Amino acid sequence: VLGFARTENPKSIRQALRAPRLRWSMIGGALL
């Protein structure tokens, strides 16, 4: 997910992780 966030918004990963699909994927990984 961090890799995808980096490719979607190379300037700010934090802004890219605000996208719902990336946020839910990150939460799912953290749950696992």
PDB file of all heavy atoms in Angstrom:
ATOM      1  N   VAL A   1       0.839  -1.197   0.000  1.00  0.00           N
ATOM      2  CA  VAL A   1       0.000   0.000   0.000  1.00  0.00           C
ATOM      3  C   VAL A   1       0.876   1.249   0.000  1.00  0.00           C
ATOM      4  O   VAL A   1       0.590   2.218  -0.712  1.00  0.00           O
ATOM      5  CB  VAL A   1      -0.972  -0.005   1.203  1.00  0.00           C
ATOM      6  CG1 VAL A   1      -1.665   1.336   1.353  1.00  0.00           C
ATOM      7  CG2 VAL A   1      -1.990  -1.107   1.046  1.00  0.00           C
ATOM      8  N   LEU A   2       1.947   1.236   0.767  1.00  0.00           N
ATOM      9  CA  LEU A   2       2.861   2.382   0.759  1.00  0.00           C
ATOM     10  C   LEU A   2       3.484   2.569  -0.621  1.00  0.00           C
ATOM     11  O   LEU A   2       3.674   3.703  -1.074  1.00  0.00           O
ATOM     12  CB  LEU A   2       3.952   2.205   1.811  1.00  0.00           C
ATOM     13  CG  LEU A   2       3.531   2.433   3.249  1.00  0.00           C
ATOM     14  CD1 LEU A   2       4.688   2.133   4.192  1.00  0.00           C
ATOM     15  CD2 LEU A   2       3.049   3.855   3.459  1.00  0.00           C
ATOM     16  N   GLY A   3       3.801   1.490  -1.294  1.00  0.00           N
ATOM     17  CA  GLY A   3       4.336   1.584  -2.648  1.00  0.00           C
ATOM     18  C   GLY A   3       3.333   2.190  -3.619  1.00  0.00           C
ATOM     19  O   GLY A   3       3.683   3.037  -4.441  1.00  0.00           O
ATOM     20  N   PHE A   4       2.075   1.757  -3.536  1.00  0.00           N
ATOM     21  CA  PHE A   4       1.039   2.332  -4.387  1.00  0.00           C
ATOM     22  C   PHE A   4       0.823   3.802  -4.066  1.00  0.00           C
ATOM     23  O   PHE A   4       0.628   4.624  -4.960  1.00  0.00           O
ATOM     24  CB  PHE A   4      -0.280   1.576  -4.231  1.00  0.00           C
ATOM     25  CG  PHE A   4      -0.308   0.260  -4.946  1.00  0.00           C
ATOM     26  CD1 PHE A   4      -0.613  -0.897  -4.254  1.00  0.00           C
ATOM     27  CD2 PHE A   4      -0.038   0.165  -6.295  1.00  0.00           C
ATOM     28  CE1 PHE A   4      -0.638  -2.119  -4.895  1.00  0.00           C
ATOM     29  CE2 PHE A   4      -0.064  -1.054  -6.953  1.00  0.00           C
ATOM     30  CZ  PHE A   4      -0.362  -2.205  -6.244  1.00  0.00           C
ATOM     31  N   ALA A   5       0.857   4.141  -2.783  1.00  0.00           N
ATOM     32  CA  ALA A   5       0.668   5.538  -2.385  1.00  0.00           C
ATOM     33  C   ALA A   5       1.800   6.401  -2.942  1.00  0.00           C
ATOM     34  O   ALA A   5       1.572   7.538  -3.358  1.00  0.00           O
ATOM     35  CB  ALA A   5       0.608   5.652  -0.863  1.00  0.00           C
ATOM     36  N   ARG A   6       2.990   5.852  -2.953  1.00  0.00           N
ATOM     37  CA  ARG A   6       4.140   6.603  -3.472  1.00  0.00           C
ATOM     38  C   ARG A   6       3.995   6.859  -4.970  1.00  0.00           C
ATOM     39  O   ARG A   6       4.369   7.925  -5.458  1.00  0.00           O
ATOM     40  CB  ARG A   6       5.425   5.821  -3.173  1.00  0.00           C
ATOM     41  CG  ARG A   6       6.662   6.503  -3.590  1.00  0.00           C
ATOM     42  CD  ARG A   6       6.916   7.679  -2.715  1.00  0.00           C
ATOM     43  NE  ARG A   6       8.183   8.275  -3.085  1.00  0.00           N
ATOM     44  CZ  ARG A   6       8.631   9.381  -2.595  1.00  0.00           C
ATOM     45  NH1 ARG A   6       7.924  10.015  -1.692  1.00  0.00           N
ATOM     46  NH2 ARG A   6       9.764   9.875  -2.975  1.00  0.00           N
ATOM     47  N   THR A   7       3.462   5.894  -5.713  1.00  0.00           N
ATOM     48  CA  THR A   7       3.300   6.094  -7.154  1.00  0.00           C
ATOM     49  C   THR A   7       2.124   7.007  -7.476  1.00  0.00           C
ATOM     50  O   THR A   7       2.159   7.724  -8.470  1.00  0.00           O
ATOM     51  CB  THR A   7       3.099   4.757  -7.884  1.00  0.00           C
ATOM     52  OG1 THR A   7       1.949   4.106  -7.367  1.00  0.00           O
ATOM     53  CG2 THR A   7       4.310   3.866  -7.725  1.00  0.00           C
ATOM     54  N   GLU A   8       1.095   7.012  -6.636  1.00  0.00           N
ATOM     55  CA  GLU A   8      -0.061   7.872  -6.897  1.00  0.00           C
ATOM     56  C   GLU A   8       0.221   9.328  -6.597  1.00  0.00           C
ATOM     57  O   GLU A   8      -0.267  10.213  -7.284  1.00  0.00           O
ATOM     58  CB  GLU A   8      -1.272   7.402  -6.084  1.00  0.00           C
ATOM     59  CG  GLU A   8      -1.928   6.188  -6.678  1.00  0.00           C
ATOM     60  CD  GLU A   8      -3.314   5.958  -6.122  1.00  0.00           C
ATOM     61  OE1 GLU A   8      -3.823   6.817  -5.389  1.00  0.00           O
ATOM     62  OE2 GLU A   8      -3.885   4.922  -6.456  1.00  0.00           O
ATOM     63  N   ASN A   9       0.955   9.588  -5.548  1.00  0.00           N
ATOM     64  CA  ASN A   9       1.263  10.966  -5.177  1.00  0.00           C
ATOM     65  C   ASN A   9       2.704  11.010  -4.672  1.00  0.00           C
ATOM     66  O   ASN A   9       2.943  10.886  -3.470  1.00  0.00           O
ATOM     67  CB  ASN A   9       0.284  11.453  -4.104  1.00  0.00           C
ATOM     68  CG  ASN A   9       0.363  12.947  -3.899  1.00  0.00           C
ATOM     69  OD1 ASN A   9       1.283  13.602  -4.371  1.00  0.00           O
ATOM     70  ND2 ASN A   9      -0.602  13.488  -3.189  1.00  0.00           N
ATOM     71  N   PRO A  10       3.672  11.198  -5.562  1.00  0.00           N
ATOM     72  CA  PRO A  10       5.074  11.131  -5.146  1.00  0.00           C
ATOM     73  C   PRO A  10       5.491  12.240  -4.191  1.00  0.00           C
ATOM     74  O   PRO A  10       6.479  12.112  -3.484  1.00  0.00           O
ATOM     75  CB  PRO A  10       5.852  11.216  -6.462  1.00  0.00           C
ATOM     76  CG  PRO A  10       4.886  11.524  -7.521  1.00  0.00           C
ATOM     77  CD  PRO A  10       3.510  11.390  -6.980  1.00  0.00           C
ATOM     78  N   LYS A  11       4.729  13.328  -4.140  1.00  0.00           N
ATOM     79  CA  LYS A  11       5.115  14.433  -3.261  1.00  0.00           C
ATOM     80  C   LYS A  11       4.715  14.183  -1.812  1.00  0.00           C
ATOM     81  O   LYS A  11       5.429  14.559  -0.901  1.00  0.00           O
ATOM     82  CB  LYS A  11       4.496  15.741  -3.749  1.00  0.00           C
ATOM     83  CG  LYS A  11       5.080  16.212  -5.061  1.00  0.00           C
ATOM     84  CD  LYS A  11       4.500  17.537  -5.462  1.00  0.00           C
ATOM     85  CE  LYS A  11       5.100  17.980  -6.790  1.00  0.00           C
ATOM     86  NZ  LYS A  11       4.547  19.247  -7.227  1.00  0.00           N
ATOM     87  N   SER A  12       3.552  13.565  -1.601  1.00  0.00           N
ATOM     88  CA  SER A  12       3.065  13.374  -0.234  1.00  0.00           C
ATOM     89  C   SER A  12       2.344  12.032  -0.107  1.00  0.00           C
ATOM     90  O   SER A  12       1.222  11.875  -0.606  1.00  0.00           O
ATOM     91  CB  SER A  12       2.128  14.511   0.164  1.00  0.00           C
ATOM     92  OG  SER A  12       1.574  14.268   1.431  1.00  0.00           O
ATOM     93  N   ILE A  13       2.982  11.112   0.582  1.00  0.00           N
ATOM     94  CA  ILE A  13       2.353   9.815   0.829  1.00  0.00           C
ATOM     95  C   ILE A  13       1.140   9.988   1.734  1.00  0.00           C
ATOM     96  O   ILE A  13       0.132   9.306   1.579  1.00  0.00           O
ATOM     97  CB  ILE A  13       3.364   8.835   1.443  1.00  0.00           C
ATOM     98  CG1 ILE A  13       4.451   8.520   0.424  1.00  0.00           C
ATOM     99  CG2 ILE A  13       2.695   7.562   1.898  1.00  0.00           C
ATOM    100  CD1 ILE A  13       5.546   7.637   0.953  1.00  0.00           C
ATOM    101  N   ARG A  14       1.230  10.927   2.651  1.00  0.00           N
ATOM    102  CA  ARG A  14       0.124  11.166   3.589  1.00  0.00           C
ATOM    103  C   ARG A  14      -1.160  11.534   2.852  1.00  0.00           C
ATOM    104  O   ARG A  14      -2.235  11.045   3.179  1.00  0.00           O
ATOM    105  CB  ARG A  14       0.497  12.265   4.570  1.00  0.00           C
ATOM    106  CG  ARG A  14      -0.578  12.519   5.612  1.00  0.00           C
ATOM    107  CD  ARG A  14      -0.190  13.604   6.560  1.00  0.00           C
ATOM    108  NE  ARG A  14       0.900  13.121   7.386  1.00  0.00           N
ATOM    109  CZ  ARG A  14       1.487  13.836   8.319  1.00  0.00           C
ATOM    110  NH1 ARG A  14       1.105  15.080   8.530  1.00  0.00           N
ATOM    111  NH2 ARG A  14       2.440  13.344   9.049  1.00  0.00           N
ATOM    112  N   GLN A  15      -1.055  12.394   1.846  1.00  0.00           N
ATOM    113  CA  GLN A  15      -2.245  12.759   1.071  1.00  0.00           C
ATOM    114  C   GLN A  15      -2.775  11.573   0.285  1.00  0.00           C
ATOM    115  O   GLN A  15      -3.980  11.392   0.150  1.00  0.00           O
ATOM    116  CB  GLN A  15      -1.928  13.919   0.129  1.00  0.00           C
ATOM    117  CG  GLN A  15      -1.765  15.235   0.828  1.00  0.00           C
ATOM    118  CD  GLN A  15      -1.420  16.355  -0.141  1.00  0.00           C
ATOM    119  OE1 GLN A  15      -1.063  16.103  -1.291  1.00  0.00           O
ATOM    120  NE2 GLN A  15      -1.517  17.582   0.335  1.00  0.00           N
ATOM    121  N   ALA A  16      -1.883  10.767  -0.262  1.00  0.00           N
ATOM    122  CA  ALA A  16      -2.322   9.595  -1.033  1.00  0.00           C
ATOM    123  C   ALA A  16      -3.028   8.582  -0.134  1.00  0.00           C
ATOM    124  O   ALA A  16      -3.991   7.937  -0.556  1.00  0.00           O
ATOM    125  CB  ALA A  16      -1.129   8.948  -1.719  1.00  0.00           C
ATOM    126  N   LEU A  17      -2.566   8.438   1.103  1.00  0.00           N
ATOM    127  CA  LEU A  17      -3.184   7.471   2.020  1.00  0.00           C
ATOM    128  C   LEU A  17      -4.555   7.919   2.505  1.00  0.00           C
ATOM    129  O   LEU A  17      -5.261   7.149   3.150  1.00  0.00           O
ATOM    130  CB  LEU A  17      -2.265   7.198   3.209  1.00  0.00           C
ATOM    131  CG  LEU A  17      -1.032   6.360   2.896  1.00  0.00           C
ATOM    132  CD1 LEU A  17      -0.147   6.251   4.131  1.00  0.00           C
ATOM    133  CD2 LEU A  17      -1.411   4.984   2.394  1.00  0.00           C
ATOM    134  N   ARG A  18      -4.933   9.150   2.222  1.00  0.00           N
ATOM    135  CA  ARG A  18      -6.275   9.606   2.578  1.00  0.00           C
ATOM    136  C   ARG A  18      -7.338   9.038   1.639  1.00  0.00           C
ATOM    137  O   ARG A  18      -8.521   9.078   1.952  1.00  0.00           O
ATOM    138  CB  ARG A  18      -6.339  11.125   2.579  1.00  0.00           C
ATOM    139  CG  ARG A  18      -5.589  11.729   3.741  1.00  0.00           C
ATOM    140  CD  ARG A  18      -5.751  13.210   3.790  1.00  0.00           C
ATOM    141  NE  ARG A  18      -4.938  13.750   4.871  1.00  0.00           N
ATOM    142  CZ  ARG A  18      -4.477  14.969   4.906  1.00  0.00           C
ATOM    143  NH1 ARG A  18      -4.725  15.803   3.923  1.00  0.00           N
ATOM    144  NH2 ARG A  18      -3.748  15.377   5.920  1.00  0.00           N
ATOM    145  N   ALA A  19      -6.908   8.515   0.499  1.00  0.00           N
ATOM    146  CA  ALA A  19      -7.861   7.886  -0.417  1.00  0.00           C
ATOM    147  C   ALA A  19      -8.470   6.678   0.279  1.00  0.00           C
ATOM    148  O   ALA A  19      -7.759   5.883   0.898  1.00  0.00           O
ATOM    149  CB  ALA A  19      -7.152   7.467  -1.698  1.00  0.00           C
ATOM    150  N   PRO A  20      -9.795   6.535   0.211  1.00  0.00           N
ATOM    151  CA  PRO A  20     -10.458   5.464   0.971  1.00  0.00           C
ATOM    152  C   PRO A  20      -9.927   4.062   0.680  1.00  0.00           C
ATOM    153  O   PRO A  20      -9.730   3.273   1.593  1.00  0.00           O
ATOM    154  CB  PRO A  20     -11.920   5.592   0.563  1.00  0.00           C
ATOM    155  CG  PRO A  20     -12.083   7.000   0.125  1.00  0.00           C
ATOM    156  CD  PRO A  20     -10.770   7.400  -0.470  1.00  0.00           C
ATOM    157  N   ARG A  21      -9.674   3.744  -0.586  1.00  0.00           N
ATOM    158  CA  ARG A  21      -9.237   2.374  -0.887  1.00  0.00           C
ATOM    159  C   ARG A  21      -7.856   2.086  -0.316  1.00  0.00           C
ATOM    160  O   ARG A  21      -7.605   0.986   0.169  1.00  0.00           O
ATOM    161  CB  ARG A  21      -9.283   2.109  -2.384  1.00  0.00           C
ATOM    162  CG  ARG A  21      -8.328   2.910  -3.195  1.00  0.00           C
ATOM    163  CD  ARG A  21      -8.536   2.661  -4.694  1.00  0.00           C
ATOM    164  NE  ARG A  21      -7.683   3.531  -5.464  1.00  0.00           N
ATOM    165  CZ  ARG A  21      -6.435   3.230  -5.797  1.00  0.00           C
ATOM    166  NH1 ARG A  21      -5.924   2.088  -5.446  1.00  0.00           N
ATOM    167  NH2 ARG A  21      -5.714   4.070  -6.505  1.00  0.00           N
ATOM    168  N   LEU A  22      -6.960   3.067  -0.320  1.00  0.00           N
ATOM    169  CA  LEU A  22      -5.647   2.854   0.267  1.00  0.00           C
ATOM    170  C   LEU A  22      -5.729   2.827   1.791  1.00  0.00           C
ATOM    171  O   LEU A  22      -5.028   2.058   2.445  1.00  0.00           O
ATOM    172  CB  LEU A  22      -4.660   3.929  -0.199  1.00  0.00           C
ATOM    173  CG  LEU A  22      -4.274   3.898  -1.671  1.00  0.00           C
ATOM    174  CD1 LEU A  22      -3.296   5.014  -1.991  1.00  0.00           C
ATOM    175  CD2 LEU A  22      -3.696   2.559  -2.053  1.00  0.00           C
ATOM    176  N   ARG A  23      -6.590   3.660   2.334  1.00  0.00           N
ATOM    177  CA  ARG A  23      -6.753   3.696   3.794  1.00  0.00           C
ATOM    178  C   ARG A  23      -7.304   2.369   4.312  1.00  0.00           C
ATOM    179  O   ARG A  23      -6.816   1.815   5.291  1.00  0.00           O
ATOM    180  CB  ARG A  23      -7.680   4.843   4.169  1.00  0.00           C
ATOM    181  CG  ARG A  23      -7.759   5.117   5.643  1.00  0.00           C
ATOM    182  CD  ARG A  23      -8.540   6.383   5.877  1.00  0.00           C
ATOM    183  NE  ARG A  23      -8.720   6.644   7.299  1.00  0.00           N
ATOM    184  CZ  ARG A  23      -9.517   7.553   7.781  1.00  0.00           C
ATOM    185  NH1 ARG A  23     -10.204   8.322   6.970  1.00  0.00           N
ATOM    186  NH2 ARG A  23      -9.639   7.716   9.074  1.00  0.00           N
ATOM    187  N   TRP A  24      -8.316   1.837   3.622  1.00  0.00           N
ATOM    188  CA  TRP A  24      -8.896   0.553   4.052  1.00  0.00           C
ATOM    189  C   TRP A  24      -7.914  -0.588   3.857  1.00  0.00           C
ATOM    190  O   TRP A  24      -7.868  -1.517   4.657  1.00  0.00           O
ATOM    191  CB  TRP A  24     -10.198   0.280   3.330  1.00  0.00           C
ATOM    192  CG  TRP A  24     -11.292   1.247   3.672  1.00  0.00           C
ATOM    193  CD1 TRP A  24     -11.434   1.943   4.840  1.00  0.00           C
ATOM    194  CD2 TRP A  24     -12.381   1.625   2.861  1.00  0.00           C
ATOM    195  NE1 TRP A  24     -12.542   2.732   4.782  1.00  0.00           N
ATOM    196  CE2 TRP A  24     -13.147   2.558   3.576  1.00  0.00           C
ATOM    197  CE3 TRP A  24     -12.781   1.272   1.578  1.00  0.00           C
ATOM    198  CZ2 TRP A  24     -14.297   3.138   3.064  1.00  0.00           C
ATOM    199  CZ3 TRP A  24     -13.929   1.849   1.063  1.00  0.00           C
ATOM    200  CH2 TRP A  24     -14.671   2.767   1.806  1.00  0.00           C
ATOM    201  N   SER A  25      -7.130  -0.519   2.805  1.00  0.00           N
ATOM    202  CA  SER A  25      -6.114  -1.559   2.587  1.00  0.00           C
ATOM    203  C   SER A  25      -5.054  -1.522   3.677  1.00  0.00           C
ATOM    204  O   SER A  25      -4.594  -2.566   4.151  1.00  0.00           O
ATOM    205  CB  SER A  25      -5.467  -1.381   1.220  1.00  0.00           C
ATOM    206  OG  SER A  25      -6.413  -1.513   0.203  1.00  0.00           O
ATOM    207  N   MET A  26      -4.661  -0.321   4.072  1.00  0.00           N
ATOM    208  CA  MET A  26      -3.671  -0.185   5.143  1.00  0.00           C
ATOM    209  C   MET A  26      -4.237  -0.706   6.468  1.00  0.00           C
ATOM    210  O   MET A  26      -3.547  -1.398   7.215  1.00  0.00           O
ATOM    211  CB  MET A  26      -3.236   1.271   5.274  1.00  0.00           C
ATOM    212  CG  MET A  26      -2.111   1.482   6.255  1.00  0.00           C
ATOM    213  SD  MET A  26      -0.561   0.728   5.761  1.00  0.00           S
ATOM    214  CE  MET A  26       0.130   2.019   4.789  1.00  0.00           C
ATOM    215  N   ILE A  27      -5.493  -0.396   6.740  1.00  0.00           N
ATOM    216  CA  ILE A  27      -6.138  -0.892   7.961  1.00  0.00           C
ATOM    217  C   ILE A  27      -6.240  -2.416   7.920  1.00  0.00           C
ATOM    218  O   ILE A  27      -6.001  -3.096   8.917  1.00  0.00           O
ATOM    219  CB  ILE A  27      -7.522  -0.233   8.153  1.00  0.00           C
ATOM    220  CG1 ILE A  27      -7.359   1.251   8.478  1.00  0.00           C
ATOM    221  CG2 ILE A  27      -8.310  -0.926   9.259  1.00  0.00           C
ATOM    222  CD1 ILE A  27      -8.650   2.044   8.459  1.00  0.00           C
ATOM    223  N   GLY A  28      -6.581  -2.968   6.756  1.00  0.00           N
ATOM    224  CA  GLY A  28      -6.658  -4.427   6.616  1.00  0.00           C
ATOM    225  C   GLY A  28      -5.317  -5.094   6.862  1.00  0.00           C
ATOM    226  O   GLY A  28      -5.232  -6.122   7.538  1.00  0.00           O
ATOM    227  N   GLY A  29      -4.247  -4.513   6.326  1.00  0.00           N
ATOM    228  CA  GLY A  29      -2.907  -5.050   6.572  1.00  0.00           C
ATOM    229  C   GLY A  29      -2.526  -4.964   8.033  1.00  0.00           C
ATOM    230  O   GLY A  29      -1.938  -5.895   8.595  1.00  0.00           O
ATOM    231  N   ALA A  30      -2.875  -3.846   8.661  1.00  0.00           N
ATOM    232  CA  ALA A  30      -2.577  -3.689  10.085  1.00  0.00           C
ATOM    233  C   ALA A  30      -3.373  -4.688  10.925  1.00  0.00           C
ATOM    234  O   ALA A  30      -2.871  -5.217  11.927  1.00  0.00           O
ATOM    235  CB  ALA A  30      -2.867  -2.256  10.534  1.00  0.00           C
ATOM    236  N   LEU A  31      -4.619  -4.971  10.500  1.00  0.00           N
ATOM    237  CA  LEU A  31      -5.418  -5.976  11.206  1.00  0.00           C
ATOM    238  C   LEU A  31      -4.801  -7.367  11.082  1.00  0.00           C
ATOM    239  O   LEU A  31      -4.757  -8.119  12.062  1.00  0.00           O
ATOM    240  CB  LEU A  31      -6.847  -5.992  10.672  1.00  0.00           C
ATOM    241  CG  LEU A  31      -7.830  -5.052  11.343  1.00  0.00           C
ATOM    242  CD1 LEU A  31      -9.139  -4.997  10.563  1.00  0.00           C
ATOM    243  CD2 LEU A  31      -8.083  -5.465  12.770  1.00  0.00           C
ATOM    244  N   LEU A  32      -4.327  -7.712   9.891  1.00  0.00           N
ATOM    245  CA  LEU A  32      -3.651  -9.000   9.721  1.00  0.00           C
ATOM    246  C   LEU A  32      -2.406  -9.083  10.601  1.00  0.00           C
ATOM    247  O   LEU A  32      -2.133 -10.111  11.221  1.00  0.00           O
ATOM    248  CB  LEU A  32      -3.250  -9.198   8.259  1.00  0.00           C
ATOM    249  CG  LEU A  32      -4.278  -9.791   7.326  1.00  0.00           C
ATOM    250  CD1 LEU A  32      -3.750  -9.799   5.905  1.00  0.00           C
ATOM    251  CD2 LEU A  32      -4.661 -11.179   7.765  1.00  0.00           C
TER     252      LEU A  32
END
